[in-house]
Amino acid sequence: MVNRIFFVCLFVALYSAGSSLRCNWMDHKFRQYSENCLDLVDSMAHNSTNSTEDAVEAENVVAFPNDLYSLASRASAEDKIGFVVQTLDEVVELFEEDHSSASWEDKPLRDLLNIVTQQAEGLRSCVSTRHKKNKKLHLYFKRLTRNVLKEMGHTAESWELIRREIKAHLMRADQLLSPLK
């Protein structure tokens, strides 16, 4: 009987220690990765495509989902992390579209997607359960694909608009998780 109690206590102690260690990733890596992502997104900017009529029109069609970030900011820590993980996953999926007309080099995009994927995987290690997708966030990214990329023919201008939107998402995701670090 004493052995069982000892093993249960040992298991609980090890599990608790493991749980608290899992989120050390957020303390040490998330901020560094976020800064690298923003630097890469900035390096991808191409000033000659910053203000076309199509881009302004598309920007009005797909408004940034401030309300979703506002709701997420009032959620539990795990739900905030789940929201950011979904955002990062949606970013990766968005950049899987045909970006051959984009004005940036392929290497910065590959580096960005690598870091974003590592961020998502690292954040997943900080939550105990798989979170349900936020349908409104998913639909927002689908509208970006349809209303910006496809309607504008995957042009350099449409990708510049997407680049700016993604920068805004990365900044908001960082702000959302800042109190958790």
N, C-alpha and C. Protein backbone atom coordinates (compact mmCIF):
# COMPACT_ATOMS: atom_id res chain seq x y z
N MET A 1 0.82 -1.20 0.00
CA MET A 1 0.00 0.00 0.00
C MET A 1 0.87 1.27 0.00
N VAL A 2 1.91 1.25 0.83
CA VAL A 2 2.81 2.39 0.90
C VAL A 2 3.51 2.59 -0.45
N ASN A 3 3.85 1.48 -1.10
CA ASN A 3 4.48 1.57 -2.41
C ASN A 3 3.57 2.26 -3.42
N ARG A 4 2.30 1.92 -3.39
CA ARG A 4 1.34 2.53 -4.32
C ARG A 4 1.23 4.02 -4.08
N ILE A 5 1.12 4.40 -2.83
CA ILE A 5 1.03 5.83 -2.50
C ILE A 5 2.29 6.54 -2.96
N PHE A 6 3.44 5.93 -2.72
CA PHE A 6 4.71 6.51 -3.14
C PHE A 6 4.73 6.71 -4.66
N PHE A 7 4.32 5.69 -5.42
CA PHE A 7 4.34 5.80 -6.88
C PHE A 7 3.33 6.83 -7.39
N VAL A 8 2.17 6.91 -6.74
CA VAL A 8 1.19 7.92 -7.13
C VAL A 8 1.76 9.31 -6.88
N CYS A 9 2.36 9.51 -5.71
CA CYS A 9 2.96 10.81 -5.39
C CYS A 9 4.10 11.14 -6.35
N LEU A 10 4.92 10.14 -6.64
CA LEU A 10 6.02 10.34 -7.58
C LEU A 10 5.50 10.71 -8.96
N PHE A 11 4.46 10.00 -9.41
CA PHE A 11 3.87 10.29 -10.72
C PHE A 11 3.32 11.70 -10.76
N VAL A 12 2.58 12.10 -9.72
CA VAL A 12 2.00 13.45 -9.68
C VAL A 12 3.11 14.50 -9.66
N ALA A 13 4.16 14.27 -8.89
CA ALA A 13 5.27 15.22 -8.82
C ALA A 13 5.96 15.35 -10.17
N LEU A 14 6.23 14.21 -10.81
CA LEU A 14 6.89 14.25 -12.11
C LEU A 14 5.99 14.89 -13.16
N TYR A 15 4.72 14.58 -13.14
CA TYR A 15 3.79 15.17 -14.10
C TYR A 15 3.71 16.69 -13.90
N SER A 16 3.63 17.12 -12.64
CA SER A 16 3.57 18.56 -12.36
C SER A 16 4.83 19.26 -12.82
N ALA A 17 5.97 18.66 -12.55
CA ALA A 17 7.23 19.25 -12.98
C ALA A 17 7.28 19.32 -14.50
N GLY A 18 6.85 18.26 -15.16
CA GLY A 18 6.83 18.23 -16.62
C GLY A 18 5.88 19.27 -17.17
N SER A 19 4.73 19.45 -16.52
CA SER A 19 3.76 20.43 -17.00
C SER A 19 4.31 21.83 -16.92
N SER A 20 4.98 22.15 -15.82
CA SER A 20 5.50 23.50 -15.70
C SER A 20 6.68 23.72 -16.64
N LEU A 21 7.43 22.66 -16.93
CA LEU A 21 8.55 22.79 -17.85
C LEU A 21 8.09 22.96 -19.30
N ARG A 22 6.93 22.41 -19.63
CA ARG A 22 6.46 22.47 -21.00
C ARG A 22 6.35 23.90 -21.50
N CYS A 23 5.97 24.82 -20.65
CA CYS A 23 5.76 26.18 -21.10
C CYS A 23 6.98 27.06 -20.97
N ASN A 24 8.08 26.49 -20.55
CA ASN A 24 9.33 27.25 -20.59
C ASN A 24 9.62 27.69 -22.01
N TRP A 25 9.13 26.94 -22.97
CA TRP A 25 9.30 27.31 -24.38
C TRP A 25 8.78 28.72 -24.62
N MET A 26 7.62 29.03 -24.04
CA MET A 26 7.04 30.38 -24.23
C MET A 26 7.94 31.44 -23.63
N ASP A 27 8.53 31.14 -22.47
CA ASP A 27 9.38 32.13 -21.81
C ASP A 27 10.63 32.43 -22.62
N HIS A 28 11.20 31.41 -23.23
CA HIS A 28 12.51 31.59 -23.85
C HIS A 28 12.48 31.71 -25.37
N LYS A 29 11.59 31.00 -26.02
CA LYS A 29 11.64 30.93 -27.49
C LYS A 29 10.60 31.79 -28.19
N PHE A 30 9.39 31.89 -27.63
CA PHE A 30 8.32 32.54 -28.37
C PHE A 30 8.67 33.98 -28.74
N ARG A 31 9.20 34.74 -27.79
CA ARG A 31 9.54 36.15 -28.06
C ARG A 31 10.60 36.25 -29.15
N GLN A 32 11.62 35.42 -29.05
CA GLN A 32 12.69 35.43 -30.06
C GLN A 32 12.13 35.07 -31.43
N TYR A 33 11.29 34.04 -31.50
CA TYR A 33 10.70 33.63 -32.77
C TYR A 33 9.79 34.72 -33.32
N SER A 34 9.04 35.37 -32.44
CA SER A 34 8.14 36.44 -32.89
C SER A 34 8.92 37.58 -33.52
N GLU A 35 10.01 37.96 -32.88
CA GLU A 35 10.84 39.04 -33.42
C GLU A 35 11.42 38.64 -34.78
N ASN A 36 11.87 37.39 -34.89
CA ASN A 36 12.40 36.90 -36.18
C ASN A 36 11.33 36.92 -37.25
N CYS A 37 10.12 36.51 -36.90
CA CYS A 37 9.02 36.52 -37.88
C CYS A 37 8.74 37.93 -38.37
N LEU A 38 8.64 38.86 -37.46
CA LEU A 38 8.35 40.25 -37.86
C LEU A 38 9.47 40.82 -38.71
N ASP A 39 10.71 40.50 -38.37
CA ASP A 39 11.84 40.96 -39.20
C ASP A 39 11.75 40.38 -40.61
N LEU A 40 11.41 39.10 -40.71
CA LEU A 40 11.29 38.47 -42.03
C LEU A 40 10.14 39.08 -42.83
N VAL A 41 9.01 39.30 -42.18
CA VAL A 41 7.86 39.90 -42.87
C VAL A 41 8.23 41.30 -43.35
N ASP A 42 8.94 42.06 -42.53
CA ASP A 42 9.37 43.40 -42.95
C ASP A 42 10.33 43.32 -44.13
N SER A 43 11.23 42.33 -44.10
CA SER A 43 12.20 42.21 -45.19
C SER A 43 11.55 41.83 -46.51
N MET A 44 10.34 41.27 -46.45
CA MET A 44 9.63 40.86 -47.65
C MET A 44 8.89 42.02 -48.31
N ALA A 45 8.82 43.17 -47.65
CA ALA A 45 8.07 44.30 -48.17
C ALA A 45 8.64 44.78 -49.49
N HIS A 46 7.76 45.19 -50.36
CA HIS A 46 8.16 45.73 -51.65
C HIS A 46 7.40 47.03 -51.83
N ASN A 47 8.05 48.16 -51.63
CA ASN A 47 7.39 49.45 -51.58
C ASN A 47 6.68 49.86 -52.86
N SER A 48 7.05 49.33 -54.00
CA SER A 48 6.42 49.77 -55.24
C SER A 48 4.99 49.26 -55.37
N THR A 49 4.57 48.33 -54.50
CA THR A 49 3.22 47.78 -54.61
C THR A 49 2.36 48.15 -53.42
N ASN A 50 2.72 49.19 -52.69
CA ASN A 50 2.03 49.45 -51.44
C ASN A 50 0.67 50.11 -51.55
N SER A 51 0.31 50.77 -52.62
CA SER A 51 -0.98 51.46 -52.61
C SER A 51 -1.66 51.46 -53.97
N THR A 52 -2.16 50.34 -54.35
CA THR A 52 -2.95 50.29 -55.58
C THR A 52 -4.42 50.37 -55.21
N GLU A 53 -5.25 50.73 -56.17
CA GLU A 53 -6.69 50.79 -55.92
C GLU A 53 -7.24 49.43 -55.55
N ASP A 54 -6.77 48.38 -56.23
CA ASP A 54 -7.25 47.03 -55.93
C ASP A 54 -6.94 46.64 -54.49
N ALA A 55 -5.74 46.97 -54.03
CA ALA A 55 -5.36 46.61 -52.67
C ALA A 55 -6.22 47.35 -51.66
N VAL A 56 -6.49 48.63 -51.88
CA VAL A 56 -7.32 49.39 -50.98
C VAL A 56 -8.73 48.82 -50.96
N GLU A 57 -9.25 48.48 -52.14
CA GLU A 57 -10.59 47.90 -52.23
C GLU A 57 -10.64 46.55 -51.50
N ALA A 58 -9.65 45.72 -51.71
CA ALA A 58 -9.63 44.41 -51.06
C ALA A 58 -9.48 44.55 -49.56
N GLU A 59 -8.72 45.54 -49.12
CA GLU A 59 -8.54 45.76 -47.69
C GLU A 59 -9.87 46.07 -47.03
N ASN A 60 -10.74 46.80 -47.74
CA ASN A 60 -12.05 47.12 -47.21
C ASN A 60 -12.98 45.90 -47.21
N VAL A 61 -12.78 44.97 -48.12
CA VAL A 61 -13.62 43.78 -48.22
C VAL A 61 -13.34 42.81 -47.08
N VAL A 62 -12.08 42.68 -46.69
CA VAL A 62 -11.69 41.72 -45.66
C VAL A 62 -11.08 42.50 -44.49
N ALA A 63 -11.95 42.94 -43.61
CA ALA A 63 -11.49 43.72 -42.46
C ALA A 63 -10.78 42.82 -41.45
N PHE A 64 -9.75 43.36 -40.84
CA PHE A 64 -9.00 42.63 -39.82
C PHE A 64 -9.94 42.24 -38.68
N PRO A 65 -9.83 41.01 -38.18
CA PRO A 65 -10.78 40.52 -37.17
C PRO A 65 -10.45 40.98 -35.74
N ASN A 66 -10.47 42.29 -35.53
CA ASN A 66 -10.17 42.83 -34.20
C ASN A 66 -11.09 42.25 -33.13
N ASP A 67 -12.36 42.04 -33.49
CA ASP A 67 -13.31 41.50 -32.51
C ASP A 67 -12.91 40.11 -32.03
N LEU A 68 -12.35 39.29 -32.91
CA LEU A 68 -11.92 37.95 -32.50
C LEU A 68 -10.73 38.02 -31.55
N TYR A 69 -9.80 38.93 -31.82
CA TYR A 69 -8.66 39.10 -30.91
C TYR A 69 -9.13 39.66 -29.57
N SER A 70 -10.12 40.54 -29.61
CA SER A 70 -10.66 41.10 -28.37
C SER A 70 -11.29 40.00 -27.52
N LEU A 71 -12.07 39.13 -28.15
CA LEU A 71 -12.66 38.00 -27.42
C LEU A 71 -11.58 37.07 -26.89
N ALA A 72 -10.58 36.80 -27.70
CA ALA A 72 -9.50 35.90 -27.28
C ALA A 72 -8.73 36.49 -26.11
N SER A 73 -8.62 37.81 -26.06
CA SER A 73 -7.86 38.44 -24.96
C SER A 73 -8.53 38.22 -23.61
N ARG A 74 -9.83 37.93 -23.61
CA ARG A 74 -10.56 37.69 -22.37
C ARG A 74 -10.71 36.20 -22.06
N ALA A 75 -10.12 35.36 -22.88
CA ALA A 75 -10.23 33.91 -22.71
C ALA A 75 -9.18 33.40 -21.73
N SER A 76 -9.30 32.14 -21.39
CA SER A 76 -8.31 31.50 -20.52
C SER A 76 -6.97 31.44 -21.24
N ALA A 77 -5.93 31.19 -20.47
CA ALA A 77 -4.58 31.11 -21.05
C ALA A 77 -4.52 30.02 -22.12
N GLU A 78 -5.09 28.86 -21.84
CA GLU A 78 -5.06 27.78 -22.83
C GLU A 78 -5.83 28.15 -24.09
N ASP A 79 -6.95 28.84 -23.93
CA ASP A 79 -7.73 29.24 -25.11
C ASP A 79 -6.99 30.31 -25.92
N LYS A 80 -6.27 31.20 -25.24
CA LYS A 80 -5.46 32.18 -25.95
C LYS A 80 -4.40 31.48 -26.79
N ILE A 81 -3.74 30.53 -26.17
CA ILE A 81 -2.70 29.78 -26.88
C ILE A 81 -3.31 29.03 -28.06
N GLY A 82 -4.46 28.40 -27.84
CA GLY A 82 -5.14 27.69 -28.92
C GLY A 82 -5.50 28.61 -30.08
N PHE A 83 -5.94 29.81 -29.76
CA PHE A 83 -6.28 30.80 -30.79
C PHE A 83 -5.05 31.19 -31.59
N VAL A 84 -3.94 31.42 -30.91
CA VAL A 84 -2.70 31.79 -31.59
C VAL A 84 -2.19 30.63 -32.44
N VAL A 85 -2.28 29.42 -31.93
CA VAL A 85 -1.86 28.25 -32.72
C VAL A 85 -2.67 28.17 -34.00
N GLN A 86 -3.99 28.36 -33.90
CA GLN A 86 -4.82 28.32 -35.10
C GLN A 86 -4.42 29.44 -36.06
N THR A 87 -4.16 30.63 -35.55
CA THR A 87 -3.74 31.74 -36.39
C THR A 87 -2.47 31.39 -37.15
N LEU A 88 -1.50 30.83 -36.45
CA LEU A 88 -0.24 30.46 -37.08
C LEU A 88 -0.45 29.38 -38.13
N ASP A 89 -1.30 28.40 -37.82
CA ASP A 89 -1.60 27.35 -38.80
C ASP A 89 -2.28 27.93 -40.04
N GLU A 90 -3.18 28.89 -39.84
CA GLU A 90 -3.88 29.53 -40.96
C GLU A 90 -2.90 30.33 -41.82
N VAL A 91 -1.92 30.96 -41.19
CA VAL A 91 -0.91 31.72 -41.93
C VAL A 91 -0.13 30.79 -42.85
N VAL A 92 0.28 29.65 -42.31
CA VAL A 92 1.03 28.69 -43.12
C VAL A 92 0.18 28.23 -44.30
N GLU A 93 -1.07 27.91 -44.03
CA GLU A 93 -1.97 27.45 -45.11
C GLU A 93 -2.16 28.54 -46.17
N LEU A 94 -2.29 29.78 -45.73
CA LEU A 94 -2.47 30.88 -46.67
C LEU A 94 -1.28 31.00 -47.61
N PHE A 95 -0.08 30.88 -47.08
CA PHE A 95 1.12 31.01 -47.91
C PHE A 95 1.38 29.79 -48.78
N GLU A 96 0.57 28.76 -48.66
CA GLU A 96 0.69 27.62 -49.57
C GLU A 96 0.03 27.91 -50.91
N GLU A 97 -0.69 29.02 -50.99
CA GLU A 97 -1.27 29.46 -52.27
C GLU A 97 -0.14 29.78 -53.25
N ASP A 98 -0.48 29.89 -54.51
CA ASP A 98 0.50 30.22 -55.55
C ASP A 98 1.06 31.62 -55.30
N HIS A 99 2.29 31.69 -54.83
CA HIS A 99 2.91 32.99 -54.54
C HIS A 99 4.02 33.32 -55.54
N SER A 100 3.94 32.73 -56.71
CA SER A 100 4.99 32.95 -57.72
C SER A 100 5.04 34.40 -58.19
N SER A 101 3.93 35.14 -58.08
CA SER A 101 3.92 36.55 -58.50
C SER A 101 4.33 37.50 -57.39
N ALA A 102 4.53 36.98 -56.20
CA ALA A 102 4.90 37.83 -55.08
C ALA A 102 6.25 38.50 -55.36
N SER A 103 6.45 39.67 -54.78
CA SER A 103 7.66 40.44 -55.06
C SER A 103 8.85 40.03 -54.18
N TRP A 104 8.64 39.14 -53.25
CA TRP A 104 9.74 38.75 -52.37
C TRP A 104 10.45 37.49 -52.85
N GLU A 105 11.64 37.30 -52.31
CA GLU A 105 12.43 36.11 -52.60
C GLU A 105 11.80 34.91 -51.92
N ASP A 106 12.09 33.72 -52.42
CA ASP A 106 11.52 32.51 -51.86
C ASP A 106 12.12 32.16 -50.49
N LYS A 107 13.40 32.44 -50.29
CA LYS A 107 14.06 32.05 -49.03
C LYS A 107 13.45 32.72 -47.81
N PRO A 108 13.20 34.04 -47.81
CA PRO A 108 12.59 34.64 -46.62
C PRO A 108 11.22 34.02 -46.30
N LEU A 109 10.45 33.68 -47.33
CA LEU A 109 9.16 33.05 -47.10
C LEU A 109 9.34 31.67 -46.49
N ARG A 110 10.26 30.89 -47.03
CA ARG A 110 10.53 29.55 -46.44
C ARG A 110 10.97 29.69 -44.98
N ASP A 111 11.84 30.65 -44.71
CA ASP A 111 12.30 30.87 -43.33
C ASP A 111 11.14 31.28 -42.43
N LEU A 112 10.29 32.18 -42.92
CA LEU A 112 9.13 32.62 -42.15
C LEU A 112 8.22 31.44 -41.83
N LEU A 113 7.90 30.64 -42.84
CA LEU A 113 7.00 29.50 -42.62
C LEU A 113 7.62 28.48 -41.68
N ASN A 114 8.92 28.31 -41.75
CA ASN A 114 9.60 27.40 -40.83
C ASN A 114 9.46 27.88 -39.39
N ILE A 115 9.69 29.17 -39.17
CA ILE A 115 9.59 29.72 -37.82
C ILE A 115 8.16 29.69 -37.32
N VAL A 116 7.20 30.04 -38.17
CA VAL A 116 5.79 30.04 -37.77
C VAL A 116 5.37 28.62 -37.39
N THR A 117 5.80 27.64 -38.16
CA THR A 117 5.49 26.24 -37.85
C THR A 117 6.11 25.84 -36.51
N GLN A 118 7.35 26.25 -36.27
CA GLN A 118 8.00 25.94 -34.99
C GLN A 118 7.27 26.62 -33.83
N GLN A 119 6.79 27.84 -34.04
CA GLN A 119 6.02 28.52 -33.00
C GLN A 119 4.75 27.75 -32.68
N ALA A 120 4.03 27.34 -33.71
CA ALA A 120 2.78 26.60 -33.49
C ALA A 120 3.05 25.30 -32.74
N GLU A 121 4.08 24.58 -33.13
CA GLU A 121 4.41 23.32 -32.46
C GLU A 121 4.82 23.58 -31.01
N GLY A 122 5.62 24.60 -30.79
CA GLY A 122 6.03 24.93 -29.43
C GLY A 122 4.85 25.31 -28.55
N LEU A 123 3.94 26.10 -29.09
CA LEU A 123 2.76 26.49 -28.32
C LEU A 123 1.85 25.30 -28.03
N ARG A 124 1.74 24.37 -28.97
CA ARG A 124 0.93 23.17 -28.73
C ARG A 124 1.44 22.41 -27.51
N SER A 125 2.75 22.46 -27.27
CA SER A 125 3.30 21.75 -26.12
C SER A 125 2.91 22.42 -24.81
N CYS A 126 2.38 23.63 -24.87
CA CYS A 126 2.01 24.36 -23.66
C CYS A 126 0.55 24.17 -23.26
N VAL A 127 -0.20 23.46 -24.04
CA VAL A 127 -1.61 23.24 -23.71
C VAL A 127 -1.86 21.75 -23.53
N SER A 128 -2.82 21.45 -22.69
CA SER A 128 -3.07 20.04 -22.37
C SER A 128 -4.06 19.38 -23.32
N THR A 129 -4.86 20.17 -23.99
CA THR A 129 -5.87 19.59 -24.87
C THR A 129 -5.81 20.22 -26.25
N ARG A 130 -6.37 19.51 -27.20
CA ARG A 130 -6.50 20.03 -28.56
C ARG A 130 -7.70 20.97 -28.58
N HIS A 131 -7.51 22.17 -29.07
CA HIS A 131 -8.58 23.16 -29.06
C HIS A 131 -9.40 23.11 -30.34
N LYS A 132 -10.67 23.39 -30.16
CA LYS A 132 -11.59 23.45 -31.28
C LYS A 132 -11.27 24.70 -32.10
N LYS A 133 -11.31 24.56 -33.43
CA LYS A 133 -11.02 25.70 -34.30
C LYS A 133 -12.05 26.79 -34.12
N ASN A 134 -11.59 28.02 -34.20
CA ASN A 134 -12.47 29.17 -34.20
C ASN A 134 -12.96 29.33 -35.64
N LYS A 135 -14.23 29.04 -35.85
CA LYS A 135 -14.77 29.04 -37.21
C LYS A 135 -14.70 30.42 -37.86
N LYS A 136 -14.92 31.48 -37.08
CA LYS A 136 -14.88 32.83 -37.64
C LYS A 136 -13.47 33.20 -38.10
N LEU A 137 -12.47 32.78 -37.34
CA LEU A 137 -11.09 33.04 -37.73
C LEU A 137 -10.76 32.28 -39.01
N HIS A 138 -11.20 31.03 -39.08
CA HIS A 138 -10.96 30.22 -40.27
C HIS A 138 -11.62 30.87 -41.50
N LEU A 139 -12.86 31.33 -41.34
CA LEU A 139 -13.56 31.97 -42.45
C LEU A 139 -12.88 33.28 -42.87
N TYR A 140 -12.33 34.00 -41.92
CA TYR A 140 -11.59 35.23 -42.24
C TYR A 140 -10.42 34.90 -43.18
N PHE A 141 -9.65 33.87 -42.85
CA PHE A 141 -8.51 33.51 -43.70
C PHE A 141 -8.98 32.98 -45.06
N LYS A 142 -10.10 32.30 -45.09
CA LYS A 142 -10.65 31.85 -46.38
C LYS A 142 -11.05 33.06 -47.23
N ARG A 143 -11.62 34.10 -46.60
CA ARG A 143 -11.97 35.31 -47.33
C ARG A 143 -10.72 36.02 -47.85
N LEU A 144 -9.64 36.00 -47.08
CA LEU A 144 -8.40 36.58 -47.58
C LEU A 144 -7.97 35.87 -48.86
N THR A 145 -8.04 34.55 -48.84
CA THR A 145 -7.66 33.78 -50.02
C THR A 145 -8.56 34.10 -51.20
N ARG A 146 -9.86 34.06 -50.96
CA ARG A 146 -10.82 34.25 -52.05
C ARG A 146 -10.89 35.71 -52.51
N ASN A 147 -11.07 36.64 -51.58
CA ASN A 147 -11.35 38.03 -51.94
C ASN A 147 -10.10 38.84 -52.26
N VAL A 148 -8.96 38.40 -51.81
CA VAL A 148 -7.74 39.15 -52.10
C VAL A 148 -6.92 38.41 -53.14
N LEU A 149 -6.46 37.23 -52.82
CA LEU A 149 -5.55 36.53 -53.73
C LEU A 149 -6.23 36.11 -55.03
N LYS A 150 -7.33 35.39 -54.92
CA LYS A 150 -7.95 34.86 -56.14
C LYS A 150 -8.58 35.95 -56.99
N GLU A 151 -9.30 36.88 -56.36
CA GLU A 151 -9.94 37.94 -57.15
C GLU A 151 -8.93 38.89 -57.76
N MET A 152 -7.77 39.04 -57.13
CA MET A 152 -6.74 39.92 -57.67
C MET A 152 -5.73 39.13 -58.50
N GLY A 153 -6.00 37.85 -58.73
CA GLY A 153 -5.16 37.04 -59.61
C GLY A 153 -3.78 36.71 -59.05
N HIS A 154 -3.67 36.60 -57.73
CA HIS A 154 -2.39 36.27 -57.09
C HIS A 154 -1.27 37.22 -57.53
N THR A 155 -1.60 38.48 -57.72
CA THR A 155 -0.63 39.48 -58.17
C THR A 155 0.31 39.87 -57.04
N ALA A 156 1.38 40.57 -57.40
CA ALA A 156 2.31 41.08 -56.40
C ALA A 156 1.58 42.01 -55.42
N GLU A 157 0.64 42.79 -55.93
CA GLU A 157 -0.13 43.70 -55.06
C GLU A 157 -0.97 42.94 -54.06
N SER A 158 -1.59 41.85 -54.49
CA SER A 158 -2.40 41.07 -53.56
C SER A 158 -1.53 40.42 -52.48
N TRP A 159 -0.34 39.97 -52.87
CA TRP A 159 0.57 39.37 -51.89
C TRP A 159 1.12 40.42 -50.94
N GLU A 160 1.30 41.65 -51.41
CA GLU A 160 1.74 42.71 -50.51
C GLU A 160 0.67 42.99 -49.47
N LEU A 161 -0.58 42.99 -49.89
CA LEU A 161 -1.68 43.17 -48.94
C LEU A 161 -1.70 42.03 -47.92
N ILE A 162 -1.53 40.82 -48.39
CA ILE A 162 -1.49 39.65 -47.50
C ILE A 162 -0.31 39.77 -46.52
N ARG A 163 0.83 40.19 -47.02
CA ARG A 163 2.00 40.35 -46.17
C ARG A 163 1.71 41.32 -45.03
N ARG A 164 1.07 42.44 -45.34
CA ARG A 164 0.73 43.41 -44.29
C ARG A 164 -0.27 42.85 -43.30
N GLU A 165 -1.26 42.09 -43.80
CA GLU A 165 -2.24 41.47 -42.91
C GLU A 165 -1.56 40.48 -41.97
N ILE A 166 -0.66 39.69 -42.52
CA ILE A 166 0.04 38.69 -41.71
C ILE A 166 0.90 39.37 -40.66
N LYS A 167 1.53 40.46 -41.00
CA LYS A 167 2.32 41.20 -40.01
C LYS A 167 1.42 41.65 -38.87
N ALA A 168 0.23 42.15 -39.19
CA ALA A 168 -0.71 42.57 -38.15
C ALA A 168 -1.11 41.39 -37.27
N HIS A 169 -1.32 40.23 -37.86
CA HIS A 169 -1.67 39.03 -37.08
C HIS A 169 -0.53 38.63 -36.15
N LEU A 170 0.68 38.63 -36.66
CA LEU A 170 1.82 38.23 -35.85
C LEU A 170 2.02 39.19 -34.67
N MET A 171 1.79 40.47 -34.92
CA MET A 171 1.92 41.45 -33.84
C MET A 171 0.82 41.25 -32.80
N ARG A 172 -0.41 41.03 -33.24
CA ARG A 172 -1.52 40.83 -32.31
C ARG A 172 -1.36 39.53 -31.53
N ALA A 173 -0.87 38.48 -32.18
CA ALA A 173 -0.65 37.21 -31.49
C ALA A 173 0.39 37.39 -30.40
N ASP A 174 1.45 38.12 -30.69
CA ASP A 174 2.48 38.38 -29.70
C ASP A 174 1.90 39.16 -28.51
N GLN A 175 1.08 40.16 -28.80
CA GLN A 175 0.43 40.94 -27.73
C GLN A 175 -0.51 40.07 -26.91
N LEU A 176 -1.22 39.18 -27.57
CA LEU A 176 -2.17 38.32 -26.88
C LEU A 176 -1.47 37.40 -25.89
N LEU A 177 -0.28 36.94 -26.23
CA LEU A 177 0.43 36.01 -25.36
C LEU A 177 1.41 36.71 -24.42
N SER A 178 1.64 37.99 -24.58
CA SER A 178 2.62 38.69 -23.72
C SER A 178 2.34 38.53 -22.24
N PRO A 179 1.10 38.66 -21.79
CA PRO A 179 0.86 38.52 -20.34
C PRO A 179 1.12 37.10 -19.83
N LEU A 180 1.15 36.11 -20.71
CA LEU A 180 1.34 34.72 -20.30
C LEU A 180 2.80 34.36 -20.11
N LYS A 181 3.70 35.19 -20.61
CA LYS A 181 5.14 34.86 -20.59
C LYS A 181 5.74 35.17 -19.24
